[in-house]
Amino acid sequence: MESETRMRVNENGRVVIPASYRKALGINVGDEVVLRIEDDELRIMSLKRRLEQAQRRIRRYIKPGRSLADELIVERREAAKRE
């Protein structure tokens, strides 16, 4: 895959993402993407990859074997008992 390519913006402001780029980014038909402007550049990331990135960042602060989801369920059950 080329690391750079040129595309034209059509009259509706649309740009086609080449198939090789979509494949490399794991973007499939119907997927949501996140657009972000950073350092005067437009960055495109699949929502799935964005979530994976967030999960990796959070894991740095969570001890192995700890489940935040399980902790949340326990807290919610305790709160429901008090209602």
PDB file of N, CA and C in Angstrom:
ATOM      1  N   MET A   1       0.839  -1.186   0.000  1.00  0.00           N
ATOM      2  CA  MET A   1       0.000   0.000   0.000  1.00  0.00           C
ATOM      3  C   MET A   1       0.880   1.242   0.000  1.00  0.00           C
ATOM      4  N   GLU A   2       0.468   2.217  -0.762  1.00  0.00           N
ATOM      5  CA  GLU A   2       1.173   3.495  -0.779  1.00  0.00           C
ATOM      6  C   GLU A   2       0.927   4.214   0.537  1.00  0.00           C
ATOM      7  N   SER A   3       1.916   4.958   1.015  1.00  0.00           N
ATOM      8  CA  SER A   3       1.732   5.700   2.265  1.00  0.00           C
ATOM      9  C   SER A   3       1.096   7.061   2.009  1.00  0.00           C
ATOM     10  N   GLU A   4       1.006   7.450   0.752  1.00  0.00           N
ATOM     11  CA  GLU A   4       0.412   8.745   0.422  1.00  0.00           C
ATOM     12  C   GLU A   4      -0.222   8.666  -0.961  1.00  0.00           C
ATOM     13  N   THR A   5      -1.343   9.358  -1.095  1.00  0.00           N
ATOM     14  CA  THR A   5      -2.011   9.435  -2.390  1.00  0.00           C
ATOM     15  C   THR A   5      -2.762  10.748  -2.479  1.00  0.00           C
ATOM     16  N   ARG A   6      -3.139  11.129  -3.675  1.00  0.00           N
ATOM     17  CA  ARG A   6      -3.914  12.355  -3.877  1.00  0.00           C
ATOM     18  C   ARG A   6      -5.329  11.990  -4.273  1.00  0.00           C
ATOM     19  N   MET A   7      -6.280  12.727  -3.741  1.00  0.00           N
ATOM     20  CA  MET A   7      -7.687  12.533  -4.077  1.00  0.00           C
ATOM     21  C   MET A   7      -8.299  13.915  -4.293  1.00  0.00           C
ATOM     22  N   ARG A   8      -9.357  13.967  -5.075  1.00  0.00           N
ATOM     23  CA  ARG A   8     -10.083  15.219  -5.278  1.00  0.00           C
ATOM     24  C   ARG A   8     -11.327  15.222  -4.407  1.00  0.00           C
ATOM     25  N   VAL A   9     -11.650  16.389  -3.904  1.00  0.00           N
ATOM     26  CA  VAL A   9     -12.888  16.585  -3.151  1.00  0.00           C
ATOM     27  C   VAL A   9     -13.963  16.918  -4.176  1.00  0.00           C
ATOM     28  N   ASN A  10     -15.100  16.189  -4.137  1.00  0.00           N
ATOM     29  CA  ASN A  10     -16.149  16.465  -5.121  1.00  0.00           C
ATOM     30  C   ASN A  10     -16.998  17.650  -4.686  1.00  0.00           C
ATOM     31  N   GLU A  11     -17.987  17.985  -5.495  1.00  0.00           N
ATOM     32  CA  GLU A  11     -18.803  19.183  -5.231  1.00  0.00           C
ATOM     33  C   GLU A  11     -19.590  19.093  -3.927  1.00  0.00           C
ATOM     34  N   ASN A  12     -19.802  17.895  -3.427  1.00  0.00           N
ATOM     35  CA  ASN A  12     -20.512  17.719  -2.149  1.00  0.00           C
ATOM     36  C   ASN A  12     -19.561  17.653  -0.957  1.00  0.00           C
ATOM     37  N   GLY A  13     -18.268  17.851  -1.200  1.00  0.00           N
ATOM     38  CA  GLY A  13     -17.288  17.806  -0.125  1.00  0.00           C
ATOM     39  C   GLY A  13     -16.848  16.397   0.223  1.00  0.00           C
ATOM     40  N   ARG A  14     -17.123  15.446  -0.655  1.00  0.00           N
ATOM     41  CA  ARG A  14     -16.797  14.044  -0.380  1.00  0.00           C
ATOM     42  C   ARG A  14     -15.439  13.670  -0.953  1.00  0.00           C
ATOM     43  N   VAL A  15     -14.784  12.755  -0.230  1.00  0.00           N
ATOM     44  CA  VAL A  15     -13.518  12.183  -0.664  1.00  0.00           C
ATOM     45  C   VAL A  15     -13.664  10.668  -0.566  1.00  0.00           C
ATOM     46  N   VAL A  16     -13.244   9.951  -1.581  1.00  0.00           N
ATOM     47  CA  VAL A  16     -13.297   8.494  -1.559  1.00  0.00           C
ATOM     48  C   VAL A  16     -12.019   7.980  -0.903  1.00  0.00           C
ATOM     49  N   ILE A  17     -12.182   7.096   0.090  1.00  0.00           N
ATOM     50  CA  ILE A  17     -11.021   6.463   0.723  1.00  0.00           C
ATOM     51  C   ILE A  17     -10.698   5.223  -0.115  1.00  0.00           C
ATOM     52  N   PRO A  18      -9.507   5.158  -0.697  1.00  0.00           N
ATOM     53  CA  PRO A  18      -9.157   4.003  -1.530  1.00  0.00           C
ATOM     54  C   PRO A  18      -9.271   2.684  -0.752  1.00  0.00           C
ATOM     55  N   ALA A  19      -9.611   1.616  -1.473  1.00  0.00           N
ATOM     56  CA  ALA A  19      -9.822   0.309  -0.852  1.00  0.00           C
ATOM     57  C   ALA A  19      -8.615  -0.148  -0.043  1.00  0.00           C
ATOM     58  N   SER A  20      -7.410   0.086  -0.552  1.00  0.00           N
ATOM     59  CA  SER A  20      -6.207  -0.358   0.170  1.00  0.00           C
ATOM     60  C   SER A  20      -6.072   0.366   1.513  1.00  0.00           C
ATOM     61  N   TYR A  21      -6.474   1.616   1.576  1.00  0.00           N
ATOM     62  CA  TYR A  21      -6.424   2.384   2.811  1.00  0.00           C
ATOM     63  C   TYR A  21      -7.487   1.885   3.783  1.00  0.00           C
ATOM     64  N   ARG A  22      -8.706   1.641   3.251  1.00  0.00           N
ATOM     65  CA  ARG A  22      -9.779   1.121   4.102  1.00  0.00           C
ATOM     66  C   ARG A  22      -9.381  -0.221   4.700  1.00  0.00           C
ATOM     67  N   LYS A  23      -8.777  -1.065   3.883  1.00  0.00           N
ATOM     68  CA  LYS A  23      -8.347  -2.376   4.366  1.00  0.00           C
ATOM     69  C   LYS A  23      -7.287  -2.230   5.452  1.00  0.00           C
ATOM     70  N   ALA A  24      -6.308  -1.373   5.231  1.00  0.00           N
ATOM     71  CA  ALA A  24      -5.229  -1.168   6.200  1.00  0.00           C
ATOM     72  C   ALA A  24      -5.762  -0.617   7.522  1.00  0.00           C
ATOM     73  N   LEU A  25      -6.821   0.185   7.452  1.00  0.00           N
ATOM     74  CA  LEU A  25      -7.399   0.786   8.658  1.00  0.00           C
ATOM     75  C   LEU A  25      -8.520  -0.050   9.265  1.00  0.00           C
ATOM     76  N   GLY A  26      -8.877  -1.143   8.597  1.00  0.00           N
ATOM     77  CA  GLY A  26      -9.947  -1.989   9.103  1.00  0.00           C
ATOM     78  C   GLY A  26     -11.313  -1.349   8.985  1.00  0.00           C
ATOM     79  N   ILE A  27     -11.499  -0.517   7.964  1.00  0.00           N
ATOM     80  CA  ILE A  27     -12.774   0.166   7.746  1.00  0.00           C
ATOM     81  C   ILE A  27     -13.574  -0.614   6.711  1.00  0.00           C
ATOM     82  N   ASN A  28     -14.788  -1.022   7.096  1.00  0.00           N
ATOM     83  CA  ASN A  28     -15.665  -1.772   6.207  1.00  0.00           C
ATOM     84  C   ASN A  28     -16.902  -0.945   5.878  1.00  0.00           C
ATOM     85  N   VAL A  29     -17.628  -1.369   4.837  1.00  0.00           N
ATOM     86  CA  VAL A  29     -18.857  -0.690   4.439  1.00  0.00           C
ATOM     87  C   VAL A  29     -19.799  -0.621   5.636  1.00  0.00           C
ATOM     88  N   GLY A  30     -20.322   0.556   5.911  1.00  0.00           N
ATOM     89  CA  GLY A  30     -21.259   0.747   7.018  1.00  0.00           C
ATOM     90  C   GLY A  30     -20.608   1.084   8.346  1.00  0.00           C
ATOM     91  N   ASP A  31     -19.285   0.964   8.451  1.00  0.00           N
ATOM     92  CA  ASP A  31     -18.593   1.300   9.700  1.00  0.00           C
ATOM     93  C   ASP A  31     -18.659   2.798   9.962  1.00  0.00           C
ATOM     94  N   GLU A  32     -18.668   3.144  11.244  1.00  0.00           N
ATOM     95  CA  GLU A  32     -18.545   4.554  11.619  1.00  0.00           C
ATOM     96  C   GLU A  32     -17.062   4.894  11.704  1.00  0.00           C
ATOM     97  N   VAL A  33     -16.739   6.113  11.327  1.00  0.00           N
ATOM     98  CA  VAL A  33     -15.365   6.580  11.451  1.00  0.00           C
ATOM     99  C   VAL A  33     -15.352   7.855  12.286  1.00  0.00           C
ATOM    100  N   VAL A  34     -14.213   8.100  12.888  1.00  0.00           N
ATOM    101  CA  VAL A  34     -14.007   9.300  13.689  1.00  0.00           C
ATOM    102  C   VAL A  34     -13.064  10.200  12.900  1.00  0.00           C
ATOM    103  N   LEU A  35     -13.471  11.448  12.694  1.00  0.00           N
ATOM    104  CA  LEU A  35     -12.628  12.429  12.019  1.00  0.00           C
ATOM    105  C   LEU A  35     -12.114  13.412  13.059  1.00  0.00           C
ATOM    106  N   ARG A  36     -10.836  13.714  12.970  1.00  0.00           N
ATOM    107  CA  ARG A  36     -10.244  14.642  13.936  1.00  0.00           C
ATOM    108  C   ARG A  36      -9.229  15.515  13.210  1.00  0.00           C
ATOM    109  N   ILE A  37      -9.235  16.786  13.550  1.00  0.00           N
ATOM    110  CA  ILE A  37      -8.215  17.689  13.021  1.00  0.00           C
ATOM    111  C   ILE A  37      -7.132  17.797  14.075  1.00  0.00           C
ATOM    112  N   GLU A  38      -5.924  17.459  13.669  1.00  0.00           N
ATOM    113  CA  GLU A  38      -4.779  17.513  14.581  1.00  0.00           C
ATOM    114  C   GLU A  38      -3.575  18.016  13.804  1.00  0.00           C
ATOM    115  N   ASP A  39      -2.927  19.042  14.331  1.00  0.00           N
ATOM    116  CA  ASP A  39      -1.752  19.629  13.670  1.00  0.00           C
ATOM    117  C   ASP A  39      -2.057  19.988  12.214  1.00  0.00           C
ATOM    118  N   ASP A  40      -3.226  20.611  11.992  1.00  0.00           N
ATOM    119  CA  ASP A  40      -3.644  21.035  10.654  1.00  0.00           C
ATOM    120  C   ASP A  40      -3.786  19.869   9.670  1.00  0.00           C
ATOM    121  N   GLU A  41      -4.040  18.670  10.194  1.00  0.00           N
ATOM    122  CA  GLU A  41      -4.266  17.498   9.359  1.00  0.00           C
ATOM    123  C   GLU A  41      -5.606  16.868   9.730  1.00  0.00           C
ATOM    124  N   LEU A  42      -6.245  16.249   8.742  1.00  0.00           N
ATOM    125  CA  LEU A  42      -7.473  15.505   8.986  1.00  0.00           C
ATOM    126  C   LEU A  42      -7.089  14.060   9.229  1.00  0.00           C
ATOM    127  N   ARG A  43      -7.466  13.540  10.386  1.00  0.00           N
ATOM    128  CA  ARG A  43      -7.160  12.157  10.746  1.00  0.00           C
ATOM    129  C   ARG A  43      -8.451  11.351  10.736  1.00  0.00           C
ATOM    130  N   ILE A  44      -8.401  10.157  10.164  1.00  0.00           N
ATOM    131  CA  ILE A  44      -9.571   9.281  10.082  1.00  0.00           C
ATOM    132  C   ILE A  44      -9.231   7.972  10.777  1.00  0.00           C
ATOM    133  N   MET A  45     -10.139   7.548  11.654  1.00  0.00           N
ATOM    134  CA  MET A  45      -9.936   6.305  12.383  1.00  0.00           C
ATOM    135  C   MET A  45     -11.286   5.610  12.514  1.00  0.00           C
ATOM    136  N   SER A  46     -11.287   4.297  12.376  1.00  0.00           N
ATOM    137  CA  SER A  46     -12.554   3.587  12.566  1.00  0.00           C
ATOM    138  C   SER A  46     -12.943   3.686  14.036  1.00  0.00           C
ATOM    139  N   LEU A  47     -14.235   3.681  14.293  1.00  0.00           N
ATOM    140  CA  LEU A  47     -14.713   3.747  15.668  1.00  0.00           C
ATOM    141  C   LEU A  47     -14.197   2.545  16.460  1.00  0.00           C
ATOM    142  N   LYS A  48     -14.144   1.398  15.813  1.00  0.00           N
ATOM    143  CA  LYS A  48     -13.632   0.186  16.466  1.00  0.00           C
ATOM    144  C   LYS A  48     -12.185   0.387  16.917  1.00  0.00           C
ATOM    145  N   ARG A  49     -11.353   0.917  16.018  1.00  0.00           N
ATOM    146  CA  ARG A  49      -9.948   1.154  16.383  1.00  0.00           C
ATOM    147  C   ARG A  49      -9.834   2.213  17.475  1.00  0.00           C
ATOM    148  N   ARG A  50     -10.707   3.206  17.429  1.00  0.00           N
ATOM    149  CA  ARG A  50     -10.692   4.262  18.442  1.00  0.00           C
ATOM    150  C   ARG A  50     -10.995   3.683  19.818  1.00  0.00           C
ATOM    151  N   LEU A  51     -11.980   2.779  19.884  1.00  0.00           N
ATOM    152  CA  LEU A  51     -12.312   2.127  21.150  1.00  0.00           C
ATOM    153  C   LEU A  51     -11.173   1.241  21.636  1.00  0.00           C
ATOM    154  N   GLU A  52     -10.549   0.504  20.714  1.00  0.00           N
ATOM    155  CA  GLU A  52      -9.405  -0.338  21.077  1.00  0.00           C
ATOM    156  C   GLU A  52      -8.267   0.516  21.632  1.00  0.00           C
ATOM    157  N   GLN A  53      -8.035   1.658  21.028  1.00  0.00           N
ATOM    158  CA  GLN A  53      -6.992   2.581  21.485  1.00  0.00           C
ATOM    159  C   GLN A  53      -7.299   3.077  22.894  1.00  0.00           C
ATOM    160  N   ALA A  54      -8.536   3.434  23.140  1.00  0.00           N
ATOM    161  CA  ALA A  54      -8.943   3.901  24.475  1.00  0.00           C
ATOM    162  C   ALA A  54      -8.772   2.789  25.499  1.00  0.00           C
ATOM    163  N   GLN A  55      -9.142   1.569  25.134  1.00  0.00           N
ATOM    164  CA  GLN A  55      -8.997   0.445  26.056  1.00  0.00           C
ATOM    165  C   GLN A  55      -7.534   0.193  26.399  1.00  0.00           C
ATOM    166  N   ARG A  56      -6.649   0.288  25.409  1.00  0.00           N
ATOM    167  CA  ARG A  56      -5.209   0.119  25.672  1.00  0.00           C
ATOM    168  C   ARG A  56      -4.702   1.184  26.640  1.00  0.00           C
ATOM    169  N   ARG A  57      -5.161   2.415  26.459  1.00  0.00           N
ATOM    170  CA  ARG A  57      -4.727   3.494  27.349  1.00  0.00           C
ATOM    171  C   ARG A  57      -5.194   3.262  28.781  1.00  0.00           C
ATOM    172  N   ILE A  58      -6.422   2.803  28.939  1.00  0.00           N
ATOM    173  CA  ILE A  58      -6.971   2.567  30.271  1.00  0.00           C
ATOM    174  C   ILE A  58      -6.277   1.392  30.953  1.00  0.00           C
ATOM    175  N   ARG A  59      -5.938   0.354  30.188  1.00  0.00           N
ATOM    176  CA  ARG A  59      -5.302  -0.840  30.769  1.00  0.00           C
ATOM    177  C   ARG A  59      -4.007  -0.523  31.501  1.00  0.00           C
ATOM    178  N   ARG A  60      -3.342   0.552  31.121  1.00  0.00           N
ATOM    179  CA  ARG A  60      -2.086   0.924  31.791  1.00  0.00           C
ATOM    180  C   ARG A  60      -2.316   1.245  33.261  1.00  0.00           C
ATOM    181  N   TYR A  61      -3.541   1.623  33.611  1.00  0.00           N
ATOM    182  CA  TYR A  61      -3.843   2.048  34.973  1.00  0.00           C
ATOM    183  C   TYR A  61      -4.625   1.005  35.769  1.00  0.00           C
ATOM    184  N   ILE A  62      -4.942  -0.117  35.163  1.00  0.00           N
ATOM    185  CA  ILE A  62      -5.737  -1.147  35.808  1.00  0.00           C
ATOM    186  C   ILE A  62      -4.846  -2.360  36.072  1.00  0.00           C
ATOM    187  N   LYS A  63      -4.875  -2.865  37.300  1.00  0.00           N
ATOM    188  CA  LYS A  63      -4.075  -4.035  37.642  1.00  0.00           C
ATOM    189  C   LYS A  63      -4.612  -5.258  36.906  1.00  0.00           C
ATOM    190  N   PRO A  64      -3.715  -6.166  36.498  1.00  0.00           N
ATOM    191  CA  PRO A  64      -4.160  -7.390  35.815  1.00  0.00           C
ATOM    192  C   PRO A  64      -5.145  -8.171  36.696  1.00  0.00           C
ATOM    193  N   GLY A  65      -6.168  -8.707  36.068  1.00  0.00           N
ATOM    194  CA  GLY A  65      -7.164  -9.491  36.791  1.00  0.00           C
ATOM    195  C   GLY A  65      -8.311  -8.673  37.349  1.00  0.00           C
ATOM    196  N   ARG A  66      -8.184  -7.361  37.344  1.00  0.00           N
ATOM    197  CA  ARG A  66      -9.244  -6.492  37.849  1.00  0.00           C
ATOM    198  C   ARG A  66     -10.247  -6.217  36.734  1.00  0.00           C
ATOM    199  N   SER A  67     -11.528  -6.313  37.059  1.00  0.00           N
ATOM    200  CA  SER A  67     -12.570  -6.076  36.067  1.00  0.00           C
ATOM    201  C   SER A  67     -13.414  -4.890  36.498  1.00  0.00           C
ATOM    202  N   LEU A  68     -13.288  -3.796  35.772  1.00  0.00           N
ATOM    203  CA  LEU A  68     -14.088  -2.623  36.091  1.00  0.00           C
ATOM    204  C   LEU A  68     -15.563  -2.886  35.849  1.00  0.00           C
ATOM    205  N   ALA A  69     -15.864  -3.713  34.848  1.00  0.00           N
ATOM    206  CA  ALA A  69     -17.267  -4.052  34.568  1.00  0.00           C
ATOM    207  C   ALA A  69     -17.871  -4.810  35.744  1.00  0.00           C
ATOM    208  N   ASP A  70     -17.141  -5.777  36.288  1.00  0.00           N
ATOM    209  CA  ASP A  70     -17.637  -6.534  37.444  1.00  0.00           C
ATOM    210  C   ASP A  70     -17.818  -5.621  38.653  1.00  0.00           C
ATOM    211  N   GLU A  71     -16.881  -4.700  38.850  1.00  0.00           N
ATOM    212  CA  GLU A  71     -16.994  -3.761  39.971  1.00  0.00           C
ATOM    213  C   GLU A  71     -18.225  -2.877  39.812  1.00  0.00           C
ATOM    214  N   LEU A  72     -18.490  -2.438  38.598  1.00  0.00           N
ATOM    215  CA  LEU A  72     -19.658  -1.603  38.341  1.00  0.00           C
ATOM    216  C   LEU A  72     -20.954  -2.372  38.610  1.00  0.00           C
ATOM    217  N   ILE A  73     -21.000  -3.632  38.182  1.00  0.00           N
ATOM    218  CA  ILE A  73     -22.190  -4.453  38.432  1.00  0.00           C
ATOM    219  C   ILE A  73     -22.442  -4.597  39.926  1.00  0.00           C
ATOM    220  N   VAL A  74     -21.401  -4.857  40.696  1.00  0.00           N
ATOM    221  CA  VAL A  74     -21.533  -4.987  42.153  1.00  0.00           C
ATOM    222  C   VAL A  74     -22.050  -3.684  42.750  1.00  0.00           C
ATOM    223  N   GLU A  75     -21.477  -2.551  42.331  1.00  0.00           N
ATOM    224  CA  GLU A  75     -21.923  -1.246  42.839  1.00  0.00           C
ATOM    225  C   GLU A  75     -23.387  -0.997  42.511  1.00  0.00           C
ATOM    226  N   ARG A  76     -23.807  -1.321  41.298  1.00  0.00           N
ATOM    227  CA  ARG A  76     -25.200  -1.094  40.883  1.00  0.00           C
ATOM    228  C   ARG A  76     -26.154  -1.981  41.658  1.00  0.00           C
ATOM    229  N   ARG A  77     -25.757  -3.224  41.921  1.00  0.00           N
ATOM    230  CA  ARG A  77     -26.616  -4.125  42.698  1.00  0.00           C
ATOM    231  C   ARG A  77     -26.764  -3.629  44.132  1.00  0.00           C
ATOM    232  N   GLU A  78     -25.675  -3.131  44.697  1.00  0.00           N
ATOM    233  CA  GLU A  78     -25.732  -2.587  46.071  1.00  0.00           C
ATOM    234  C   GLU A  78     -26.612  -1.348  46.104  1.00  0.00           C
ATOM    235  N   ALA A  79     -26.494  -0.493  45.097  1.00  0.00           N
ATOM    236  CA  ALA A  79     -27.326   0.710  45.042  1.00  0.00           C
ATOM    237  C   ALA A  79     -28.802   0.328  44.888  1.00  0.00           C
ATOM    238  N   ALA A  80     -29.086  -0.701  44.101  1.00  0.00           N
ATOM    239  CA  ALA A  80     -30.475  -1.136  43.914  1.00  0.00           C
ATOM    240  C   ALA A  80     -31.064  -1.666  45.200  1.00  0.00           C
ATOM    241  N   LYS A  81     -30.267  -2.336  46.022  1.00  0.00           N
ATOM    242  CA  LYS A  81     -30.745  -2.851  47.315  1.00  0.00           C
ATOM    243  C   LYS A  81     -31.129  -1.711  48.247  1.00  0.00           C
ATOM    244  N   ARG A  82     -30.407  -0.590  48.154  1.00  0.00           N
ATOM    245  CA  ARG A  82     -30.660   0.542  49.043  1.00  0.00           C
ATOM    246  C   ARG A  82     -31.865   1.364  48.602  1.00  0.00           C
ATOM    247  N   GLU A  83     -32.349   1.159  47.402  1.00  0.00           N
ATOM    248  CA  GLU A  83     -33.487   1.946  46.905  1.00  0.00           C
ATOM    249  C   GLU A  83     -34.800   1.509  47.507  1.00  0.00           C
TER     250      GLU A  83
END
